[in-house]
Amino acid sequence: MRVTFLGTAAGKPSINRNVTSIAVELVESDYILIDCGEATQHQIMRSNLKFARIHSIYITHLHGDHIYGLPGLLSTLND
């Protein structure tokens, strides 16, 4: 198992930090996404992770810094 911190506890995205999002890799390179803060898509593109390998997305709670990236990510996954 590998954990990739895409963002950790910033109030808003910036050059050096991103809001909460964590990828936990599972077997066969699939991964789950825990929270999906704004700019999570950019962080995924900067990492070695692939959009097609997202197995599921879990939201810990409904604060904006944990969910505002979800509409854009779901739209990208729907293409």
PDB file of N, CA and C in Angstrom:
ATOM      1  N   MET A   1       0.843  -1.167   0.000  1.00  0.00           N
ATOM      2  CA  MET A   1       0.000   0.000   0.000  1.00  0.00           C
ATOM      3  C   MET A   1       0.894   1.237   0.000  1.00  0.00           C
ATOM      4  N   ARG A   2       0.508   2.223  -0.798  1.00  0.00           N
ATOM      5  CA  ARG A   2       1.247   3.478  -0.856  1.00  0.00           C
ATOM      6  C   ARG A   2       0.258   4.625  -0.674  1.00  0.00           C
ATOM      7  N   VAL A   3       0.640   5.603   0.120  1.00  0.00           N
ATOM      8  CA  VAL A   3      -0.198   6.777   0.370  1.00  0.00           C
ATOM      9  C   VAL A   3       0.455   7.983  -0.286  1.00  0.00           C
ATOM     10  N   THR A   4      -0.321   8.704  -1.080  1.00  0.00           N
ATOM     11  CA  THR A   4       0.165   9.923  -1.734  1.00  0.00           C
ATOM     12  C   THR A   4      -0.664  11.098  -1.223  1.00  0.00           C
ATOM     13  N   PHE A   5      -0.005  12.032  -0.574  1.00  0.00           N
ATOM     14  CA  PHE A   5      -0.688  13.221  -0.074  1.00  0.00           C
ATOM     15  C   PHE A   5      -0.752  14.238  -1.205  1.00  0.00           C
ATOM     16  N   LEU A   6      -1.935  14.435  -1.752  1.00  0.00           N
ATOM     17  CA  LEU A   6      -2.126  15.404  -2.829  1.00  0.00           C
ATOM     18  C   LEU A   6      -2.348  16.801  -2.265  1.00  0.00           C
ATOM     19  N   GLY A   7      -2.756  16.872  -1.030  1.00  0.00           N
ATOM     20  CA  GLY A   7      -2.952  18.139  -0.345  1.00  0.00           C
ATOM     21  C   GLY A   7      -3.208  17.876   1.127  1.00  0.00           C
ATOM     22  N   THR A   8      -2.733  18.784   1.964  1.00  0.00           N
ATOM     23  CA  THR A   8      -2.899  18.588   3.409  1.00  0.00           C
ATOM     24  C   THR A   8      -3.238  19.894   4.101  1.00  0.00           C
ATOM     25  N   ALA A   9      -4.487  20.080   4.378  1.00  0.00           N
ATOM     26  CA  ALA A   9      -4.963  21.092   5.317  1.00  0.00           C
ATOM     27  C   ALA A   9      -4.667  22.541   4.991  1.00  0.00           C
ATOM     28  N   ALA A  10      -4.561  22.901   3.753  1.00  0.00           N
ATOM     29  CA  ALA A  10      -4.480  24.319   3.411  1.00  0.00           C
ATOM     30  C   ALA A  10      -5.899  24.868   3.357  1.00  0.00           C
ATOM     31  N   GLY A  11      -6.082  26.113   3.690  1.00  0.00           N
ATOM     32  CA  GLY A  11      -7.408  26.716   3.620  1.00  0.00           C
ATOM     33  C   GLY A  11      -7.856  26.953   2.196  1.00  0.00           C
ATOM     34  N   LYS A  12      -6.916  27.186   1.305  1.00  0.00           N
ATOM     35  CA  LYS A  12      -7.189  27.355  -0.121  1.00  0.00           C
ATOM     36  C   LYS A  12      -5.948  26.903  -0.883  1.00  0.00           C
ATOM     37  N   PRO A  13      -6.104  26.509  -2.153  1.00  0.00           N
ATOM     38  CA  PRO A  13      -4.937  26.058  -2.914  1.00  0.00           C
ATOM     39  C   PRO A  13      -3.947  27.203  -3.125  1.00  0.00           C
ATOM     40  N   SER A  14      -2.675  26.870  -3.128  1.00  0.00           N
ATOM     41  CA  SER A  14      -1.637  27.851  -3.424  1.00  0.00           C
ATOM     42  C   SER A  14      -0.519  27.147  -4.190  1.00  0.00           C
ATOM     43  N   ILE A  15       0.522  27.862  -4.531  1.00  0.00           N
ATOM     44  CA  ILE A  15       1.641  27.275  -5.259  1.00  0.00           C
ATOM     45  C   ILE A  15       2.294  26.149  -4.458  1.00  0.00           C
ATOM     46  N   ASN A  16       2.427  26.341  -3.164  1.00  0.00           N
ATOM     47  CA  ASN A  16       3.152  25.387  -2.328  1.00  0.00           C
ATOM     48  C   ASN A  16       2.284  24.385  -1.584  1.00  0.00           C
ATOM     49  N   ARG A  17       0.990  24.651  -1.478  1.00  0.00           N
ATOM     50  CA  ARG A  17       0.114  23.755  -0.707  1.00  0.00           C
ATOM     51  C   ARG A  17      -1.209  23.589  -1.432  1.00  0.00           C
ATOM     52  N   ASN A  18      -1.875  22.496  -1.134  1.00  0.00           N
ATOM     53  CA  ASN A  18      -3.186  22.253  -1.706  1.00  0.00           C
ATOM     54  C   ASN A  18      -4.131  21.822  -0.593  1.00  0.00           C
ATOM     55  N   VAL A  19      -5.411  22.006  -0.814  1.00  0.00           N
ATOM     56  CA  VAL A  19      -6.384  21.581   0.184  1.00  0.00           C
ATOM     57  C   VAL A  19      -6.456  20.055   0.227  1.00  0.00           C
ATOM     58  N   THR A  20      -7.160  19.525   1.209  1.00  0.00           N
ATOM     59  CA  THR A  20      -7.101  18.106   1.545  1.00  0.00           C
ATOM     60  C   THR A  20      -7.495  17.169   0.417  1.00  0.00           C
ATOM     61  N   SER A  21      -6.614  16.214   0.153  1.00  0.00           N
ATOM     62  CA  SER A  21      -6.871  15.106  -0.755  1.00  0.00           C
ATOM     63  C   SER A  21      -5.752  14.089  -0.590  1.00  0.00           C
ATOM     64  N   ILE A  22      -6.125  12.833  -0.408  1.00  0.00           N
ATOM     65  CA  ILE A  22      -5.146  11.772  -0.179  1.00  0.00           C
ATOM     66  C   ILE A  22      -5.489  10.592  -1.073  1.00  0.00           C
ATOM     67  N   ALA A  23      -4.493  10.049  -1.769  1.00  0.00           N
ATOM     68  CA  ALA A  23      -4.678   8.860  -2.593  1.00  0.00           C
ATOM     69  C   ALA A  23      -4.032   7.673  -1.888  1.00  0.00           C
ATOM     70  N   VAL A  24      -4.786   6.594  -1.750  1.00  0.00           N
ATOM     71  CA  VAL A  24      -4.274   5.372  -1.140  1.00  0.00           C
ATOM     72  C   VAL A  24      -4.287   4.290  -2.218  1.00  0.00           C
ATOM     73  N   GLU A  25      -3.099   3.891  -2.650  1.00  0.00           N
ATOM     74  CA  GLU A  25      -3.002   2.887  -3.712  1.00  0.00           C
ATOM     75  C   GLU A  25      -3.342   1.504  -3.184  1.00  0.00           C
ATOM     76  N   LEU A  26      -4.103   0.793  -3.973  1.00  0.00           N
ATOM     77  CA  LEU A  26      -4.518  -0.563  -3.651  1.00  0.00           C
ATOM     78  C   LEU A  26      -3.722  -1.539  -4.517  1.00  0.00           C
ATOM     79  N   VAL A  27      -4.189  -2.745  -4.603  1.00  0.00           N
ATOM     80  CA  VAL A  27      -3.541  -3.746  -5.441  1.00  0.00           C
ATOM     81  C   VAL A  27      -3.733  -3.385  -6.917  1.00  0.00           C
ATOM     82  N   GLU A  28      -2.784  -3.741  -7.738  1.00  0.00           N
ATOM     83  CA  GLU A  28      -2.853  -3.549  -9.190  1.00  0.00           C
ATOM     84  C   GLU A  28      -2.966  -2.076  -9.599  1.00  0.00           C
ATOM     85  N   SER A  29      -2.364  -1.182  -8.849  1.00  0.00           N
ATOM     86  CA  SER A  29      -2.254   0.241  -9.183  1.00  0.00           C
ATOM     87  C   SER A  29      -3.554   1.034  -9.107  1.00  0.00           C
ATOM     88  N   ASP A  30      -4.673   0.417  -8.737  1.00  0.00           N
ATOM     89  CA  ASP A  30      -5.878   1.195  -8.493  1.00  0.00           C
ATOM     90  C   ASP A  30      -5.708   1.926  -7.171  1.00  0.00           C
ATOM     91  N   TYR A  31      -6.449   3.004  -6.987  1.00  0.00           N
ATOM     92  CA  TYR A  31      -6.346   3.729  -5.726  1.00  0.00           C
ATOM     93  C   TYR A  31      -7.679   4.337  -5.345  1.00  0.00           C
ATOM     94  N   ILE A  32      -7.845   4.573  -4.052  1.00  0.00           N
ATOM     95  CA  ILE A  32      -9.008   5.293  -3.567  1.00  0.00           C
ATOM     96  C   ILE A  32      -8.572   6.714  -3.246  1.00  0.00           C
ATOM     97  N   LEU A  33      -9.494   7.624  -3.393  1.00  0.00           N
ATOM     98  CA  LEU A  33      -9.235   9.021  -3.104  1.00  0.00           C
ATOM     99  C   LEU A  33     -10.027   9.382  -1.857  1.00  0.00           C
ATOM    100  N   ILE A  34      -9.338   9.889  -0.859  1.00  0.00           N
ATOM    101  CA  ILE A  34      -9.995  10.326   0.369  1.00  0.00           C
ATOM    102  C   ILE A  34     -10.023  11.848   0.351  1.00  0.00           C
ATOM    103  N   ASP A  35     -11.210  12.383   0.244  1.00  0.00           N
ATOM    104  CA  ASP A  35     -11.475  13.815   0.094  1.00  0.00           C
ATOM    105  C   ASP A  35     -11.015  14.291  -1.282  1.00  0.00           C
ATOM    106  N   CYS A  36     -11.613  15.405  -1.690  1.00  0.00           N
ATOM    107  CA  CYS A  36     -11.316  15.924  -3.027  1.00  0.00           C
ATOM    108  C   CYS A  36     -11.417  17.443  -3.000  1.00  0.00           C
ATOM    109  N   GLY A  37     -10.423  18.071  -2.408  1.00  0.00           N
ATOM    110  CA  GLY A  37     -10.393  19.522  -2.334  1.00  0.00           C
ATOM    111  C   GLY A  37     -10.132  20.146  -3.693  1.00  0.00           C
ATOM    112  N   GLU A  38     -10.358  21.435  -3.771  1.00  0.00           N
ATOM    113  CA  GLU A  38     -10.127  22.184  -4.998  1.00  0.00           C
ATOM    114  C   GLU A  38      -8.697  21.967  -5.493  1.00  0.00           C
ATOM    115  N   ALA A  39      -8.515  21.828  -6.788  1.00  0.00           N
ATOM    116  CA  ALA A  39      -7.224  21.625  -7.455  1.00  0.00           C
ATOM    117  C   ALA A  39      -6.665  20.216  -7.287  1.00  0.00           C
ATOM    118  N   THR A  40      -7.480  19.285  -6.823  1.00  0.00           N
ATOM    119  CA  THR A  40      -7.023  17.899  -6.728  1.00  0.00           C
ATOM    120  C   THR A  40      -6.640  17.361  -8.101  1.00  0.00           C
ATOM    121  N   GLN A  41      -7.394  17.748  -9.136  1.00  0.00           N
ATOM    122  CA  GLN A  41      -7.063  17.298 -10.498  1.00  0.00           C
ATOM    123  C   GLN A  41      -5.646  17.701 -10.888  1.00  0.00           C
ATOM    124  N   HIS A  42      -5.257  18.922 -10.577  1.00  0.00           N
ATOM    125  CA  HIS A  42      -3.896  19.372 -10.897  1.00  0.00           C
ATOM    126  C   HIS A  42      -2.852  18.552 -10.157  1.00  0.00           C
ATOM    127  N   GLN A  43      -3.140  18.239  -8.909  1.00  0.00           N
ATOM    128  CA  GLN A  43      -2.195  17.442  -8.129  1.00  0.00           C
ATOM    129  C   GLN A  43      -2.081  16.020  -8.686  1.00  0.00           C
ATOM    130  N   ILE A  44      -3.185  15.452  -9.137  1.00  0.00           N
ATOM    131  CA  ILE A  44      -3.135  14.123  -9.749  1.00  0.00           C
ATOM    132  C   ILE A  44      -2.290  14.164 -11.016  1.00  0.00           C
ATOM    133  N   MET A  45      -2.460  15.212 -11.824  1.00  0.00           N
ATOM    134  CA  MET A  45      -1.677  15.329 -13.064  1.00  0.00           C
ATOM    135  C   MET A  45      -0.186  15.510 -12.783  1.00  0.00           C
ATOM    136  N   ARG A  46       0.160  16.134 -11.662  1.00  0.00           N
ATOM    137  CA  ARG A  46       1.575  16.310 -11.296  1.00  0.00           C
ATOM    138  C   ARG A  46       2.188  15.037 -10.722  1.00  0.00           C
ATOM    139  N   SER A  47       1.351  14.110 -10.277  1.00  0.00           N
ATOM    140  CA  SER A  47       1.847  12.873  -9.666  1.00  0.00           C
ATOM    141  C   SER A  47       1.929  11.768 -10.721  1.00  0.00           C
ATOM    142  N   ASN A  48       2.260  10.578 -10.282  1.00  0.00           N
ATOM    143  CA  ASN A  48       2.295   9.412 -11.170  1.00  0.00           C
ATOM    144  C   ASN A  48       0.947   8.703 -11.245  1.00  0.00           C
ATOM    145  N   LEU A  49      -0.060   9.246 -10.589  1.00  0.00           N
ATOM    146  CA  LEU A  49      -1.384   8.629 -10.569  1.00  0.00           C
ATOM    147  C   LEU A  49      -2.121   8.903 -11.877  1.00  0.00           C
ATOM    148  N   LYS A  50      -3.025   8.007 -12.231  1.00  0.00           N
ATOM    149  CA  LYS A  50      -3.832   8.146 -13.449  1.00  0.00           C
ATOM    150  C   LYS A  50      -5.303   8.239 -13.076  1.00  0.00           C
ATOM    151  N   PHE A  51      -6.034   9.099 -13.775  1.00  0.00           N
ATOM    152  CA  PHE A  51      -7.463   9.253 -13.501  1.00  0.00           C
ATOM    153  C   PHE A  51      -8.210   7.932 -13.671  1.00  0.00           C
ATOM    154  N   ALA A  52      -7.841   7.158 -14.663  1.00  0.00           N
ATOM    155  CA  ALA A  52      -8.535   5.898 -14.951  1.00  0.00           C
ATOM    156  C   ALA A  52      -8.378   4.863 -13.841  1.00  0.00           C
ATOM    157  N   ARG A  53      -7.424   5.065 -12.954  1.00  0.00           N
ATOM    158  CA  ARG A  53      -7.167   4.098 -11.883  1.00  0.00           C
ATOM    159  C   ARG A  53      -7.883   4.424 -10.576  1.00  0.00           C
ATOM    160  N   ILE A  54      -8.706   5.493 -10.567  1.00  0.00           N
ATOM    161  CA  ILE A  54      -9.460   5.812  -9.353  1.00  0.00           C
ATOM    162  C   ILE A  54     -10.526   4.739  -9.152  1.00  0.00           C
ATOM    163  N   HIS A  55     -10.447   4.040  -8.054  1.00  0.00           N
ATOM    164  CA  HIS A  55     -11.409   2.971  -7.743  1.00  0.00           C
ATOM    165  C   HIS A  55     -12.666   3.547  -7.097  1.00  0.00           C
ATOM    166  N   SER A  56     -12.490   4.444  -6.147  1.00  0.00           N
ATOM    167  CA  SER A  56     -13.614   5.073  -5.459  1.00  0.00           C
ATOM    168  C   SER A  56     -13.138   6.336  -4.762  1.00  0.00           C
ATOM    169  N   ILE A  57     -14.110   7.174  -4.405  1.00  0.00           N
ATOM    170  CA  ILE A  57     -13.820   8.442  -3.736  1.00  0.00           C
ATOM    171  C   ILE A  57     -14.622   8.479  -2.438  1.00  0.00           C
ATOM    172  N   TYR A  58     -13.929   8.765  -1.345  1.00  0.00           N
ATOM    173  CA  TYR A  58     -14.570   8.848  -0.032  1.00  0.00           C
ATOM    174  C   TYR A  58     -14.428  10.273   0.495  1.00  0.00           C
ATOM    175  N   ILE A  59     -15.517  10.800   1.008  1.00  0.00           N
ATOM    176  CA  ILE A  59     -15.527  12.150   1.565  1.00  0.00           C
ATOM    177  C   ILE A  59     -15.685  12.036   3.082  1.00  0.00           C
ATOM    178  N   THR A  60     -14.755  12.625   3.827  1.00  0.00           N
ATOM    179  CA  THR A  60     -14.799  12.507   5.286  1.00  0.00           C
ATOM    180  C   THR A  60     -15.877  13.390   5.903  1.00  0.00           C
ATOM    181  N   HIS A  61     -16.059  14.592   5.356  1.00  0.00           N
ATOM    182  CA  HIS A  61     -17.116  15.479   5.810  1.00  0.00           C
ATOM    183  C   HIS A  61     -17.328  16.566   4.769  1.00  0.00           C
ATOM    184  N   LEU A  62     -18.379  17.352   4.930  1.00  0.00           N
ATOM    185  CA  LEU A  62     -18.821  18.243   3.859  1.00  0.00           C
ATOM    186  C   LEU A  62     -18.331  19.684   3.955  1.00  0.00           C
ATOM    187  N   HIS A  63     -17.142  19.898   4.471  1.00  0.00           N
ATOM    188  CA  HIS A  63     -16.553  21.240   4.415  1.00  0.00           C
ATOM    189  C   HIS A  63     -16.027  21.479   3.004  1.00  0.00           C
ATOM    190  N   GLY A  64     -16.070  22.725   2.581  1.00  0.00           N
ATOM    191  CA  GLY A  64     -15.665  23.076   1.224  1.00  0.00           C
ATOM    192  C   GLY A  64     -14.262  22.639   0.854  1.00  0.00           C
ATOM    193  N   ASP A  65     -13.330  22.740   1.808  1.00  0.00           N
ATOM    194  CA  ASP A  65     -11.951  22.371   1.486  1.00  0.00           C
ATOM    195  C   ASP A  65     -11.770  20.866   1.311  1.00  0.00           C
ATOM    196  N   HIS A  66     -12.824  20.094   1.499  1.00  0.00           N
ATOM    197  CA  HIS A  66     -12.766  18.645   1.305  1.00  0.00           C
ATOM    198  C   HIS A  66     -13.589  18.183   0.108  1.00  0.00           C
ATOM    199  N   ILE A  67     -14.442  19.076  -0.467  1.00  0.00           N
ATOM    200  CA  ILE A  67     -15.341  18.630  -1.536  1.00  0.00           C
ATOM    201  C   ILE A  67     -15.375  19.505  -2.789  1.00  0.00           C
ATOM    202  N   TYR A  68     -14.822  20.703  -2.764  1.00  0.00           N
ATOM    203  CA  TYR A  68     -14.992  21.610  -3.905  1.00  0.00           C
ATOM    204  C   TYR A  68     -14.313  21.127  -5.186  1.00  0.00           C
ATOM    205  N   GLY A  69     -13.428  20.180  -5.104  1.00  0.00           N
ATOM    206  CA  GLY A  69     -12.815  19.639  -6.307  1.00  0.00           C
ATOM    207  C   GLY A  69     -13.605  18.500  -6.923  1.00  0.00           C
ATOM    208  N   LEU A  70     -14.630  18.042  -6.224  1.00  0.00           N
ATOM    209  CA  LEU A  70     -15.395  16.884  -6.672  1.00  0.00           C
ATOM    210  C   LEU A  70     -16.162  17.107  -7.977  1.00  0.00           C
ATOM    211  N   PRO A  71     -16.889  18.214  -8.166  1.00  0.00           N
ATOM    212  CA  PRO A  71     -17.615  18.384  -9.441  1.00  0.00           C
ATOM    213  C   PRO A  71     -16.687  18.344 -10.669  1.00  0.00           C
ATOM    214  N   GLY A  72     -15.567  19.023 -10.596  1.00  0.00           N
ATOM    215  CA  GLY A  72     -14.633  19.021 -11.723  1.00  0.00           C
ATOM    216  C   GLY A  72     -14.034  17.655 -11.977  1.00  0.00           C
ATOM    217  N   LEU A  73     -13.665  16.952 -10.914  1.00  0.00           N
ATOM    218  CA  LEU A  73     -13.084  15.622 -11.067  1.00  0.00           C
ATOM    219  C   LEU A  73     -14.103  14.649 -11.660  1.00  0.00           C
ATOM    220  N   LEU A  74     -15.334  14.684 -11.166  1.00  0.00           N
ATOM    221  CA  LEU A  74     -16.368  13.801 -11.698  1.00  0.00           C
ATOM    222  C   LEU A  74     -16.657  14.110 -13.166  1.00  0.00           C
ATOM    223  N   SER A  75     -16.609  15.369 -13.522  1.00  0.00           N
ATOM    224  CA  SER A  75     -16.776  15.748 -14.922  1.00  0.00           C
ATOM    225  C   SER A  75     -15.650  15.196 -15.791  1.00  0.00           C
ATOM    226  N   THR A  76     -14.431  15.284 -15.304  1.00  0.00           N
ATOM    227  CA  THR A  76     -13.284  14.733 -16.032  1.00  0.00           C
ATOM    228  C   THR A  76     -13.418  13.221 -16.175  1.00  0.00           C
ATOM    229  N   LEU A  77     -13.843  12.546 -15.128  1.00  0.00           N
ATOM    230  CA  LEU A  77     -13.977  11.084 -15.172  1.00  0.00           C
ATOM    231  C   LEU A  77     -15.098  10.651 -16.110  1.00  0.00           C
ATOM    232  N   ASN A  78     -16.066  11.531 -16.327  1.00  0.00           N
ATOM    233  CA  ASN A  78     -17.200  11.199 -17.191  1.00  0.00           C
ATOM    234  C   ASN A  78     -16.863  11.311 -18.672  1.00  0.00           C
ATOM    235  N   ASP A  79     -15.783  11.970 -19.019  1.00  0.00           N
ATOM    236  CA  ASP A  79     -15.406  12.140 -20.448  1.00  0.00           C
ATOM    237  C   ASP A  79     -14.986  10.852 -21.079  1.00  0.00           C
TER     238      ASP A  79
END
